[in-house]
């Protein structure tokens, strides 16, 4: 039923509950879990000229951050290594919600499982959270799990 599950991970928040849901489903359905960390792309090339930041510098920083985040995500999932799960780790740059949706479609995912911290900033009430944007725009089922521990 669920052959490919996308599990977006925000390294700044807890993600044990969404991870446990994804792992249980993967064990039951022999699913592959694609663990995705998105590095928000705050600076567009046209803005880098105005801020006098070179694109080479931004790309070098992104490459370092991508490598670092990949290691952190793998480390956090190392406790599940004895379960013989099919895990694929990805780090991408862009708008979090759109990147989650794009990846899910491109790999023909069956389900997105993601955490929600709730509305913790005033800006969340006006702009919406990543999980609410994914739910609103996804053509796939999305399971949103509260990140409470």
N, C-alpha and C. Protein backbone atom coordinates (compact mmCIF):
# COMPACT_ATOMS: atom_id res chain seq x y z
N UNK A 1 0.81 -1.19 0.00
CA UNK A 1 0.00 0.00 0.00
C UNK A 1 0.86 1.26 0.00
N UNK A 2 1.79 1.36 0.94
CA UNK A 2 2.69 2.51 1.00
C UNK A 2 4.09 2.02 0.68
N UNK A 3 4.49 2.16 -0.55
CA UNK A 3 5.83 1.70 -0.96
C UNK A 3 6.89 2.76 -0.72
N UNK A 4 6.53 4.04 -0.88
CA UNK A 4 7.47 5.14 -0.67
C UNK A 4 6.83 6.18 0.24
N UNK A 5 7.51 6.43 1.35
CA UNK A 5 7.05 7.41 2.33
C UNK A 5 8.07 8.54 2.40
N UNK A 6 7.62 9.77 2.25
CA UNK A 6 8.51 10.92 2.40
C UNK A 6 8.36 11.43 3.83
N UNK A 7 9.49 11.59 4.50
CA UNK A 7 9.53 12.06 5.88
C UNK A 7 10.41 13.31 5.95
N UNK A 8 9.80 14.49 5.84
CA UNK A 8 10.58 15.73 5.95
C UNK A 8 11.04 15.93 7.40
N UNK A 9 12.29 16.33 7.55
CA UNK A 9 12.89 16.52 8.86
C UNK A 9 13.42 17.94 8.98
N UNK A 10 13.00 18.61 10.05
CA UNK A 10 13.53 19.92 10.40
C UNK A 10 14.50 19.70 11.55
N UNK A 11 15.76 19.97 11.33
CA UNK A 11 16.77 19.70 12.36
C UNK A 11 16.64 20.61 13.58
N UNK A 12 15.84 21.66 13.48
CA UNK A 12 15.65 22.56 14.61
C UNK A 12 14.52 22.14 15.53
N UNK A 13 13.84 21.06 15.20
CA UNK A 13 12.73 20.62 16.04
C UNK A 13 12.84 19.13 16.31
N UNK A 14 12.02 18.68 17.24
CA UNK A 14 11.96 17.25 17.54
C UNK A 14 11.21 16.56 16.41
N UNK A 15 11.61 15.35 16.10
CA UNK A 15 10.89 14.64 15.04
C UNK A 15 10.76 13.17 15.36
N UNK A 16 10.80 12.81 16.64
CA UNK A 16 10.70 11.39 17.00
C UNK A 16 9.32 10.81 16.70
N UNK A 17 8.26 11.53 17.06
CA UNK A 17 6.92 10.98 16.83
C UNK A 17 6.63 10.75 15.35
N UNK A 18 6.86 11.73 14.47
CA UNK A 18 6.63 11.47 13.04
C UNK A 18 7.53 10.34 12.53
N UNK A 19 8.76 10.29 13.01
CA UNK A 19 9.69 9.23 12.59
C UNK A 19 9.19 7.86 13.01
N UNK A 20 8.68 7.77 14.23
CA UNK A 20 8.16 6.48 14.72
C UNK A 20 6.97 6.02 13.89
N UNK A 21 6.09 6.95 13.53
CA UNK A 21 4.96 6.59 12.66
C UNK A 21 5.46 6.06 11.32
N UNK A 22 6.42 6.77 10.73
CA UNK A 22 6.95 6.35 9.43
C UNK A 22 7.63 4.99 9.54
N UNK A 23 8.37 4.77 10.59
CA UNK A 23 9.07 3.49 10.77
C UNK A 23 8.09 2.34 10.97
N UNK A 24 7.05 2.57 11.75
CA UNK A 24 6.05 1.51 11.95
C UNK A 24 5.35 1.16 10.64
N UNK A 25 4.98 2.18 9.87
CA UNK A 25 4.36 1.91 8.56
C UNK A 25 5.33 1.20 7.63
N UNK A 26 6.58 1.63 7.63
CA UNK A 26 7.58 1.00 6.77
C UNK A 26 7.79 -0.46 7.14
N UNK A 27 7.79 -0.76 8.41
CA UNK A 27 7.94 -2.16 8.83
C UNK A 27 6.73 -2.98 8.39
N UNK A 28 5.54 -2.43 8.54
CA UNK A 28 4.32 -3.16 8.20
C UNK A 28 4.11 -3.35 6.70
N UNK A 29 4.56 -2.37 5.90
CA UNK A 29 4.31 -2.42 4.46
C UNK A 29 5.57 -2.62 3.63
N UNK A 30 6.70 -2.87 4.29
CA UNK A 30 8.00 -3.00 3.59
C UNK A 30 8.26 -1.78 2.71
N UNK A 31 8.04 -0.63 3.29
CA UNK A 31 8.17 0.64 2.56
C UNK A 31 9.58 1.18 2.61
N UNK A 32 9.87 2.02 1.64
CA UNK A 32 11.10 2.80 1.64
C UNK A 32 10.76 4.16 2.25
N UNK A 33 11.62 4.66 3.14
CA UNK A 33 11.42 5.98 3.72
C UNK A 33 12.47 6.92 3.13
N UNK A 34 11.99 7.99 2.52
CA UNK A 34 12.88 9.01 1.99
C UNK A 34 12.87 10.15 3.01
N UNK A 35 13.99 10.30 3.71
CA UNK A 35 14.11 11.30 4.76
C UNK A 35 14.69 12.55 4.13
N UNK A 36 13.92 13.62 4.20
CA UNK A 36 14.27 14.85 3.49
C UNK A 36 14.49 15.99 4.47
N UNK A 37 15.64 16.65 4.33
CA UNK A 37 15.91 17.88 5.06
C UNK A 37 16.01 18.99 4.02
N UNK A 38 15.29 20.08 4.24
CA UNK A 38 15.30 21.19 3.29
C UNK A 38 16.02 22.38 3.90
N UNK A 39 16.99 22.88 3.18
CA UNK A 39 17.68 24.10 3.57
C UNK A 39 16.96 25.24 2.87
N UNK A 40 16.37 26.11 3.67
CA UNK A 40 15.61 27.22 3.09
C UNK A 40 16.53 28.11 2.27
N UNK A 41 16.09 28.45 1.08
CA UNK A 41 16.85 29.30 0.16
C UNK A 41 16.38 30.73 0.35
N UNK A 42 17.10 31.47 1.22
CA UNK A 42 16.66 32.82 1.54
C UNK A 42 17.15 33.88 0.54
N UNK A 43 18.26 33.61 -0.11
CA UNK A 43 18.84 34.63 -0.98
C UNK A 43 18.73 34.19 -2.43
N UNK A 44 18.01 34.94 -3.21
CA UNK A 44 17.93 34.69 -4.64
C UNK A 44 19.08 35.43 -5.32
N UNK A 45 19.45 35.00 -6.51
CA UNK A 45 20.60 35.59 -7.19
C UNK A 45 20.43 37.10 -7.40
N UNK A 46 19.23 37.55 -7.72
CA UNK A 46 19.05 38.99 -7.97
C UNK A 46 19.23 39.79 -6.69
N UNK A 47 18.94 39.19 -5.53
CA UNK A 47 19.13 39.88 -4.26
C UNK A 47 20.58 39.84 -3.81
N UNK A 48 21.33 38.83 -4.25
CA UNK A 48 22.73 38.73 -3.83
C UNK A 48 23.55 39.89 -4.39
N UNK A 49 23.16 40.41 -5.54
CA UNK A 49 23.87 41.55 -6.13
C UNK A 49 23.68 42.78 -5.25
N UNK A 50 22.45 42.98 -4.79
CA UNK A 50 22.16 44.13 -3.95
C UNK A 50 22.84 44.01 -2.59
N UNK A 51 22.98 42.81 -2.07
CA UNK A 51 23.59 42.65 -0.75
C UNK A 51 25.09 42.43 -0.83
N UNK A 52 25.63 42.40 -2.07
CA UNK A 52 27.06 42.23 -2.32
C UNK A 52 27.58 40.90 -1.80
N UNK A 53 26.75 39.89 -1.86
CA UNK A 53 27.15 38.53 -1.50
C UNK A 53 27.30 37.77 -2.80
N UNK A 54 28.43 37.12 -2.99
CA UNK A 54 28.65 36.43 -4.25
C UNK A 54 27.91 35.09 -4.27
N UNK A 55 27.47 34.69 -5.46
CA UNK A 55 26.81 33.41 -5.61
C UNK A 55 27.76 32.26 -5.28
N UNK A 56 29.04 32.42 -5.60
CA UNK A 56 30.02 31.38 -5.26
C UNK A 56 30.07 31.17 -3.76
N UNK A 57 30.04 32.26 -3.00
CA UNK A 57 30.06 32.17 -1.54
C UNK A 57 28.81 31.47 -1.03
N UNK A 58 27.67 31.82 -1.59
CA UNK A 58 26.41 31.19 -1.18
C UNK A 58 26.44 29.71 -1.49
N UNK A 59 26.90 29.35 -2.69
CA UNK A 59 26.94 27.94 -3.08
C UNK A 59 27.93 27.14 -2.23
N UNK A 60 29.06 27.73 -1.88
CA UNK A 60 30.03 27.06 -1.02
C UNK A 60 29.43 26.82 0.36
N UNK A 61 28.75 27.84 0.90
CA UNK A 61 28.09 27.69 2.20
C UNK A 61 27.01 26.61 2.13
N UNK A 62 26.26 26.59 1.04
CA UNK A 62 25.21 25.58 0.88
C UNK A 62 25.81 24.18 0.84
N UNK A 63 26.90 24.00 0.10
CA UNK A 63 27.54 22.68 0.02
C UNK A 63 28.00 22.21 1.40
N UNK A 64 28.58 23.10 2.18
CA UNK A 64 29.02 22.76 3.54
C UNK A 64 27.83 22.41 4.42
N UNK A 65 26.78 23.22 4.34
CA UNK A 65 25.59 22.98 5.15
C UNK A 65 24.90 21.69 4.75
N UNK A 66 24.87 21.42 3.46
CA UNK A 66 24.25 20.18 2.96
C UNK A 66 24.98 18.97 3.52
N UNK A 67 26.30 18.98 3.47
CA UNK A 67 27.09 17.87 3.99
C UNK A 67 26.87 17.72 5.50
N UNK A 68 26.89 18.83 6.21
CA UNK A 68 26.69 18.82 7.66
C UNK A 68 25.31 18.29 8.03
N UNK A 69 24.28 18.79 7.35
CA UNK A 69 22.90 18.35 7.64
C UNK A 69 22.70 16.87 7.33
N UNK A 70 23.30 16.41 6.24
CA UNK A 70 23.18 15.00 5.88
C UNK A 70 23.77 14.12 6.98
N UNK A 71 24.93 14.50 7.49
CA UNK A 71 25.54 13.75 8.59
C UNK A 71 24.68 13.78 9.85
N UNK A 72 24.12 14.94 10.17
CA UNK A 72 23.26 15.06 11.36
C UNK A 72 22.01 14.20 11.25
N UNK A 73 21.37 14.22 10.09
CA UNK A 73 20.16 13.42 9.90
C UNK A 73 20.49 11.93 10.01
N UNK A 74 21.56 11.49 9.36
CA UNK A 74 21.96 10.08 9.43
C UNK A 74 22.29 9.69 10.86
N UNK A 75 22.92 10.58 11.59
CA UNK A 75 23.27 10.31 12.99
C UNK A 75 22.01 10.13 13.84
N UNK A 76 21.03 10.99 13.62
CA UNK A 76 19.79 10.90 14.41
C UNK A 76 19.00 9.64 14.09
N UNK A 77 19.19 9.09 12.91
CA UNK A 77 18.49 7.86 12.54
C UNK A 77 19.33 6.61 12.77
N UNK A 78 20.53 6.77 13.28
CA UNK A 78 21.40 5.62 13.51
C UNK A 78 20.81 4.65 14.54
N UNK A 79 19.98 5.14 15.44
CA UNK A 79 19.36 4.25 16.44
C UNK A 79 18.42 3.23 15.81
N UNK A 80 18.02 3.46 14.57
CA UNK A 80 17.11 2.54 13.88
C UNK A 80 17.84 1.63 12.91
N UNK A 81 19.17 1.67 12.92
CA UNK A 81 19.95 0.92 11.93
C UNK A 81 19.76 -0.59 12.05
N UNK A 82 19.44 -1.09 13.22
CA UNK A 82 19.28 -2.53 13.40
C UNK A 82 17.93 -3.05 12.91
N UNK A 83 17.06 -2.16 12.45
CA UNK A 83 15.73 -2.57 11.99
C UNK A 83 15.71 -2.99 10.53
N UNK A 84 16.83 -2.87 9.84
CA UNK A 84 16.92 -3.22 8.42
C UNK A 84 15.87 -2.50 7.57
N UNK A 85 15.75 -1.22 7.79
CA UNK A 85 14.81 -0.42 7.02
C UNK A 85 15.48 0.09 5.75
N UNK A 86 14.67 0.32 4.73
CA UNK A 86 15.16 0.91 3.49
C UNK A 86 15.04 2.43 3.63
N UNK A 87 16.15 3.07 4.00
CA UNK A 87 16.17 4.51 4.22
C UNK A 87 17.00 5.20 3.15
N UNK A 88 16.49 6.31 2.66
CA UNK A 88 17.22 7.13 1.69
C UNK A 88 17.24 8.55 2.25
N UNK A 89 18.43 9.13 2.37
CA UNK A 89 18.58 10.46 2.96
C UNK A 89 18.83 11.48 1.87
N UNK A 90 18.08 12.59 1.94
CA UNK A 90 18.24 13.65 0.94
C UNK A 90 18.26 15.01 1.65
N UNK A 91 19.11 15.89 1.16
CA UNK A 91 19.13 17.29 1.60
C UNK A 91 18.99 18.13 0.35
N UNK A 92 18.01 19.01 0.35
CA UNK A 92 17.76 19.86 -0.82
C UNK A 92 17.63 21.31 -0.36
N UNK A 93 17.78 22.21 -1.31
CA UNK A 93 17.67 23.65 -1.05
C UNK A 93 16.41 24.18 -1.71
N UNK A 94 15.71 25.08 -1.01
CA UNK A 94 14.54 25.72 -1.59
C UNK A 94 13.50 26.04 -0.54
N UNK A 95 12.33 26.39 -0.98
CA UNK A 95 11.21 26.59 -0.09
C UNK A 95 10.79 25.23 0.44
N UNK A 96 10.67 25.10 1.76
CA UNK A 96 10.44 23.79 2.37
C UNK A 96 9.20 23.09 1.82
N UNK A 97 8.06 23.77 1.86
CA UNK A 97 6.82 23.14 1.42
C UNK A 97 6.89 22.72 -0.05
N UNK A 98 7.36 23.61 -0.90
CA UNK A 98 7.42 23.30 -2.33
C UNK A 98 8.41 22.19 -2.62
N UNK A 99 9.53 22.18 -1.91
CA UNK A 99 10.54 21.13 -2.11
C UNK A 99 10.00 19.77 -1.69
N UNK A 100 9.26 19.73 -0.59
CA UNK A 100 8.63 18.48 -0.14
C UNK A 100 7.65 17.98 -1.20
N UNK A 101 6.83 18.87 -1.70
CA UNK A 101 5.84 18.50 -2.72
C UNK A 101 6.52 18.04 -4.01
N UNK A 102 7.52 18.79 -4.46
CA UNK A 102 8.21 18.45 -5.70
C UNK A 102 8.89 17.08 -5.61
N UNK A 103 9.59 16.83 -4.50
CA UNK A 103 10.27 15.55 -4.34
C UNK A 103 9.25 14.41 -4.30
N UNK A 104 8.18 14.61 -3.56
CA UNK A 104 7.16 13.57 -3.42
C UNK A 104 6.57 13.17 -4.76
N UNK A 105 6.32 14.16 -5.60
CA UNK A 105 5.78 13.87 -6.93
C UNK A 105 6.84 13.22 -7.81
N UNK A 106 8.06 13.73 -7.76
CA UNK A 106 9.11 13.21 -8.67
C UNK A 106 9.47 11.75 -8.39
N UNK A 107 9.32 11.30 -7.15
CA UNK A 107 9.66 9.91 -6.83
C UNK A 107 8.42 9.03 -6.75
N UNK A 108 7.26 9.58 -7.08
CA UNK A 108 5.98 8.86 -7.00
C UNK A 108 5.73 8.30 -5.61
N UNK A 109 5.87 9.17 -4.61
CA UNK A 109 5.63 8.77 -3.23
C UNK A 109 4.16 8.44 -3.03
N UNK A 110 3.90 7.61 -2.02
CA UNK A 110 2.53 7.23 -1.70
C UNK A 110 1.98 7.99 -0.50
N UNK A 111 2.89 8.55 0.32
CA UNK A 111 2.47 9.19 1.56
C UNK A 111 3.56 10.14 2.03
N UNK A 112 3.13 11.25 2.62
CA UNK A 112 4.04 12.19 3.28
C UNK A 112 3.68 12.16 4.76
N UNK A 113 4.68 11.94 5.61
CA UNK A 113 4.46 11.99 7.06
C UNK A 113 5.34 13.10 7.59
N UNK A 114 4.74 14.07 8.25
CA UNK A 114 5.52 15.18 8.75
C UNK A 114 5.03 15.64 10.11
N UNK A 115 5.92 16.27 10.83
CA UNK A 115 5.58 16.78 12.14
C UNK A 115 5.01 18.18 12.05
N UNK A 116 4.36 18.56 13.12
CA UNK A 116 3.83 19.91 13.23
C UNK A 116 4.10 20.40 14.64
N UNK A 117 4.70 21.56 14.72
CA UNK A 117 4.94 22.17 16.02
C UNK A 117 3.78 23.04 16.46
N UNK A 118 2.82 23.20 15.61
CA UNK A 118 1.73 24.12 15.92
C UNK A 118 2.14 25.53 15.55
N UNK A 119 1.29 26.46 15.86
CA UNK A 119 1.57 27.86 15.54
C UNK A 119 2.31 28.47 16.72
N UNK A 120 3.65 28.58 16.57
CA UNK A 120 4.42 29.10 17.68
C UNK A 120 4.95 30.51 17.46
N UNK A 121 4.81 31.04 16.29
CA UNK A 121 5.23 32.42 16.01
C UNK A 121 4.04 33.18 15.45
N UNK A 122 4.02 34.47 15.70
CA UNK A 122 2.94 35.29 15.16
C UNK A 122 2.92 35.21 13.63
N UNK A 123 4.10 35.06 13.01
CA UNK A 123 4.15 34.98 11.55
C UNK A 123 3.45 33.73 11.03
N UNK A 124 3.41 32.65 11.84
CA UNK A 124 2.72 31.43 11.42
C UNK A 124 1.24 31.67 11.18
N UNK A 125 0.64 32.60 11.93
CA UNK A 125 -0.78 32.88 11.77
C UNK A 125 -1.07 33.59 10.44
N UNK A 126 -0.08 34.32 9.95
CA UNK A 126 -0.29 35.06 8.72
C UNK A 126 0.22 34.32 7.49
N UNK A 127 1.36 33.66 7.60
CA UNK A 127 1.96 33.00 6.44
C UNK A 127 1.66 31.51 6.40
N UNK A 128 1.36 30.90 7.51
CA UNK A 128 1.10 29.46 7.54
C UNK A 128 2.37 28.68 7.79
N UNK A 129 2.20 27.49 8.30
CA UNK A 129 3.35 26.64 8.57
C UNK A 129 3.64 25.77 7.36
N UNK A 130 4.81 25.17 7.36
CA UNK A 130 5.18 24.28 6.26
C UNK A 130 4.18 23.15 6.13
N UNK A 131 3.80 22.54 7.25
CA UNK A 131 2.88 21.42 7.18
C UNK A 131 1.52 21.84 6.62
N UNK A 132 1.04 23.01 7.00
CA UNK A 132 -0.26 23.44 6.47
C UNK A 132 -0.18 23.73 4.97
N UNK A 133 0.96 24.25 4.51
CA UNK A 133 1.13 24.49 3.07
C UNK A 133 1.19 23.17 2.30
N UNK A 134 1.86 22.18 2.88
CA UNK A 134 1.95 20.88 2.21
C UNK A 134 0.56 20.24 2.14
N UNK A 135 -0.16 20.26 3.25
CA UNK A 135 -1.51 19.67 3.27
C UNK A 135 -2.40 20.37 2.24
N UNK A 136 -2.33 21.68 2.19
CA UNK A 136 -3.18 22.45 1.28
C UNK A 136 -2.90 22.15 -0.19
N UNK A 137 -1.62 21.91 -0.53
CA UNK A 137 -1.24 21.79 -1.93
C UNK A 137 -0.91 20.39 -2.41
N UNK A 138 -0.94 19.42 -1.53
CA UNK A 138 -0.55 18.07 -1.92
C UNK A 138 -1.67 17.31 -2.62
N UNK A 139 -1.27 16.52 -3.59
CA UNK A 139 -2.21 15.61 -4.24
C UNK A 139 -2.07 14.20 -3.63
N UNK A 140 -1.12 14.06 -2.70
CA UNK A 140 -0.88 12.79 -2.00
C UNK A 140 -1.45 12.87 -0.59
N UNK A 141 -1.70 11.73 0.01
CA UNK A 141 -2.11 11.76 1.42
C UNK A 141 -0.96 12.31 2.27
N UNK A 142 -1.31 13.12 3.26
CA UNK A 142 -0.34 13.70 4.18
C UNK A 142 -0.79 13.40 5.60
N UNK A 143 0.09 12.79 6.37
CA UNK A 143 -0.17 12.52 7.78
C UNK A 143 0.65 13.50 8.58
N UNK A 144 -0.03 14.39 9.32
CA UNK A 144 0.65 15.37 10.15
C UNK A 144 0.57 14.91 11.60
N UNK A 145 1.74 14.73 12.20
CA UNK A 145 1.85 14.21 13.56
C UNK A 145 2.36 15.31 14.47
N UNK A 146 1.63 15.60 15.57
CA UNK A 146 2.14 16.61 16.51
C UNK A 146 3.50 16.18 17.05
N UNK A 147 4.42 17.13 17.15
CA UNK A 147 5.77 16.84 17.61
C UNK A 147 5.90 16.87 19.13
N UNK A 148 4.83 16.73 19.84
CA UNK A 148 4.92 16.75 21.30
C UNK A 148 5.57 15.45 21.77
N UNK A 149 6.36 15.55 22.80
CA UNK A 149 7.03 14.35 23.35
C UNK A 149 6.44 14.02 24.70
